[in-house]
Each structure stands twice: as C-alpha cells, then as structure tokens.
Amino acid sequence: MEAEIELDVSMLEPPEPLQRILNTIHTINPGQYLKVLHHREPFPLYPILEREGFTHNTRQGQVMPFEIFIWRMNDSAAQEKAAQAMGL
C-alpha cells in the first residue's frame, strides 16, 4: 500500500475541488496521506478538515502553485511520511 495518494484538482472549477477532496479523504487508510495539487489555496477546506478529524500542511508547490498534504489526526505514521515528502 502506497503512503501517498495524489489528487490533482488544479483544472477543476469550484466547488468541484472541495467535493473531490472531501470524498477522497475518507478513503485514506492508517499510515496514508493525501497530497492535493491545486491552483489556489483552499481556505474553506481547512475548518472542514478539522471538523472531520484531519490535519493538513500547505506549501508552495513544485508542480502546481499549492500542495496540500492531508492526514488523519493522531496518525503519527502518516504525519511522518507526509513530513518526509515535504522535505521537513
């Protein structure tokens, strides 16, 4: 099982990126994280993630303007793998 699930929503119009992200986060298994490629920072997403039990880290992307890394709260394995992918 791959630790990273990548979702490119950069070509989608609102609200489809938000809908796709919310549908995908519930498929994340322990030890996995979601890497979202987006053309803008999805501010409305962040409070929803917290309510749903997820945490995130957003950075300027290498391929797209924004990369959003999302994992379940208290999943230290996923957090560590996401941090490695981010170069932290």
C-alpha atoms as a PDB file:
ATOM      1  CA  MET A   1       0.000   0.000   0.000  1.00  0.00           C
ATOM      2  CA  GLU A   2       1.382   3.370  -1.036  1.00  0.00           C
ATOM      3  CA  ALA A   3       1.598   6.007   1.684  1.00  0.00           C
ATOM      4  CA  GLU A   4       0.785   8.846  -0.718  1.00  0.00           C
ATOM      5  CA  ILE A   5      -2.493   9.326  -2.540  1.00  0.00           C
ATOM      6  CA  GLU A   6      -2.234  12.147  -5.070  1.00  0.00           C
ATOM      7  CA  LEU A   7      -5.234  14.170  -6.195  1.00  0.00           C
ATOM      8  CA  ASP A   8      -4.879  16.852  -8.875  1.00  0.00           C
ATOM      9  CA  VAL A   9      -7.789  19.306  -8.734  1.00  0.00           C
ATOM     10  CA  SER A  10      -5.946  22.121 -10.473  1.00  0.00           C
ATOM     11  CA  MET A  11      -8.106  22.104 -13.604  1.00  0.00           C
ATOM     12  CA  LEU A  12     -11.466  21.925 -11.807  1.00  0.00           C
ATOM     13  CA  GLU A  13     -13.852  24.800 -11.131  1.00  0.00           C
ATOM     14  CA  PRO A  14     -15.372  25.428  -7.680  1.00  0.00           C
ATOM     15  CA  PRO A  15     -16.937  23.691  -5.862  1.00  0.00           C
ATOM     16  CA  GLU A  16     -15.643  20.501  -7.500  1.00  0.00           C
ATOM     17  CA  PRO A  17     -12.132  20.613  -5.949  1.00  0.00           C
ATOM     18  CA  LEU A  18     -13.616  20.812  -2.450  1.00  0.00           C
ATOM     19  CA  GLN A  19     -16.066  17.998  -3.189  1.00  0.00           C
ATOM     20  CA  ARG A  20     -13.364  15.736  -4.621  1.00  0.00           C
ATOM     21  CA  ILE A  21     -11.054  16.348  -1.673  1.00  0.00           C
ATOM     22  CA  LEU A  22     -13.804  15.638   0.866  1.00  0.00           C
ATOM     23  CA  ASN A  23     -14.776  12.435  -0.942  1.00  0.00           C
ATOM     24  CA  THR A  24     -11.170  11.276  -1.118  1.00  0.00           C
ATOM     25  CA  ILE A  25     -10.114  11.936   2.489  1.00  0.00           C
ATOM     26  CA  HIS A  26     -12.487   9.255   3.728  1.00  0.00           C
ATOM     27  CA  THR A  27     -10.624   6.636   1.673  1.00  0.00           C
ATOM     28  CA  ILE A  28      -7.333   7.299   3.491  1.00  0.00           C
ATOM     29  CA  ASN A  29      -6.133   4.292   5.490  1.00  0.00           C
ATOM     30  CA  PRO A  30      -3.900   4.484   8.574  1.00  0.00           C
ATOM     31  CA  GLY A  31      -0.380   5.406   7.509  1.00  0.00           C
ATOM     32  CA  GLN A  32      -1.564   7.171   4.353  1.00  0.00           C
ATOM     33  CA  TYR A  33      -1.863  10.840   3.473  1.00  0.00           C
ATOM     34  CA  LEU A  34      -3.461  12.763   0.632  1.00  0.00           C
ATOM     35  CA  LYS A  35      -1.374  15.133  -1.489  1.00  0.00           C
ATOM     36  CA  VAL A  36      -3.592  17.629  -3.301  1.00  0.00           C
ATOM     37  CA  LEU A  37      -2.336  19.682  -6.239  1.00  0.00           C
ATOM     38  CA  HIS A  38      -4.304  22.912  -6.514  1.00  0.00           C
ATOM     39  CA  HIS A  39      -4.027  26.202  -8.405  1.00  0.00           C
ATOM     40  CA  ARG A  40      -5.134  28.195  -5.355  1.00  0.00           C
ATOM     41  CA  GLU A  41      -5.089  27.840  -1.587  1.00  0.00           C
ATOM     42  CA  PRO A  42      -8.387  26.249  -0.485  1.00  0.00           C
ATOM     43  CA  PHE A  43      -9.146  28.284   2.641  1.00  0.00           C
ATOM     44  CA  PRO A  44     -12.755  26.976   3.005  1.00  0.00           C
ATOM     45  CA  LEU A  45     -11.364  23.430   3.214  1.00  0.00           C
ATOM     46  CA  TYR A  46      -9.316  23.884   6.393  1.00  0.00           C
ATOM     47  CA  PRO A  47     -12.101  24.166   9.024  1.00  0.00           C
ATOM     48  CA  ILE A  48     -13.948  21.270   7.383  1.00  0.00           C
ATOM     49  CA  LEU A  49     -10.855  19.086   7.647  1.00  0.00           C
ATOM     50  CA  GLU A  50     -10.550  19.838  11.355  1.00  0.00           C
ATOM     51  CA  ARG A  51     -14.221  19.009  11.971  1.00  0.00           C
ATOM     52  CA  GLU A  52     -13.789  15.724  10.075  1.00  0.00           C
ATOM     53  CA  GLY A  53     -10.734  14.715  12.142  1.00  0.00           C
ATOM     54  CA  PHE A  54      -7.953  15.574   9.702  1.00  0.00           C
ATOM     55  CA  THR A  55      -4.961  17.866   9.808  1.00  0.00           C
ATOM     56  CA  HIS A  56      -3.024  19.436   6.967  1.00  0.00           C
ATOM     57  CA  ASN A  57       0.076  21.247   5.841  1.00  0.00           C
ATOM     58  CA  THR A  58       0.044  23.550   2.827  1.00  0.00           C
ATOM     59  CA  ARG A  59       3.119  24.665   0.935  1.00  0.00           C
ATOM     60  CA  GLN A  60       4.031  26.291  -2.342  1.00  0.00           C
ATOM     61  CA  GLY A  61       4.167  23.503  -4.852  1.00  0.00           C
ATOM     62  CA  GLN A  62       6.858  22.417  -7.233  1.00  0.00           C
ATOM     63  CA  VAL A  63       4.405  21.398  -9.966  1.00  0.00           C
ATOM     64  CA  MET A  64       1.306  23.415  -9.024  1.00  0.00           C
ATOM     65  CA  PRO A  65       1.087  26.678  -7.054  1.00  0.00           C
ATOM     66  CA  PHE A  66      -0.140  24.807  -3.939  1.00  0.00           C
ATOM     67  CA  GLU A  67       0.394  21.352  -2.486  1.00  0.00           C
ATOM     68  CA  ILE A  68      -1.863  20.411   0.411  1.00  0.00           C
ATOM     69  CA  PHE A  69      -0.891  17.383   2.496  1.00  0.00           C
ATOM     70  CA  ILE A  70      -3.782  15.899   4.499  1.00  0.00           C
ATOM     71  CA  TRP A  71      -3.779  13.051   7.046  1.00  0.00           C
ATOM     72  CA  ARG A  72      -5.907  11.821   9.930  1.00  0.00           C
ATOM     73  CA  MET A  73      -5.295  13.489  13.285  1.00  0.00           C
ATOM     74  CA  ASN A  74      -3.209  11.328  15.613  1.00  0.00           C
ATOM     75  CA  ASP A  75      -1.853   9.208  12.731  1.00  0.00           C
ATOM     76  CA  SER A  76       1.822   9.651  13.509  1.00  0.00           C
ATOM     77  CA  ALA A  77       2.932   7.263  10.743  1.00  0.00           C
ATOM     78  CA  ALA A  78       1.089   9.275   8.080  1.00  0.00           C
ATOM     79  CA  GLN A  79       2.319  12.536   9.580  1.00  0.00           C
ATOM     80  CA  GLU A  80       5.914  11.311   9.441  1.00  0.00           C
ATOM     81  CA  LYS A  81       5.568  10.130   5.826  1.00  0.00           C
ATOM     82  CA  ALA A  82       3.955  13.422   4.788  1.00  0.00           C
ATOM     83  CA  ALA A  83       6.744  15.358   6.519  1.00  0.00           C
ATOM     84  CA  GLN A  84       9.340  13.331   4.615  1.00  0.00           C
ATOM     85  CA  ALA A  85       7.524  14.029   1.334  1.00  0.00           C
ATOM     86  CA  MET A  86       7.530  17.739   2.179  1.00  0.00           C
ATOM     87  CA  GLY A  87      11.236  17.645   2.980  1.00  0.00           C
ATOM     88  CA  LEU A  88      10.753  18.532   6.656  1.00  0.00           C
END
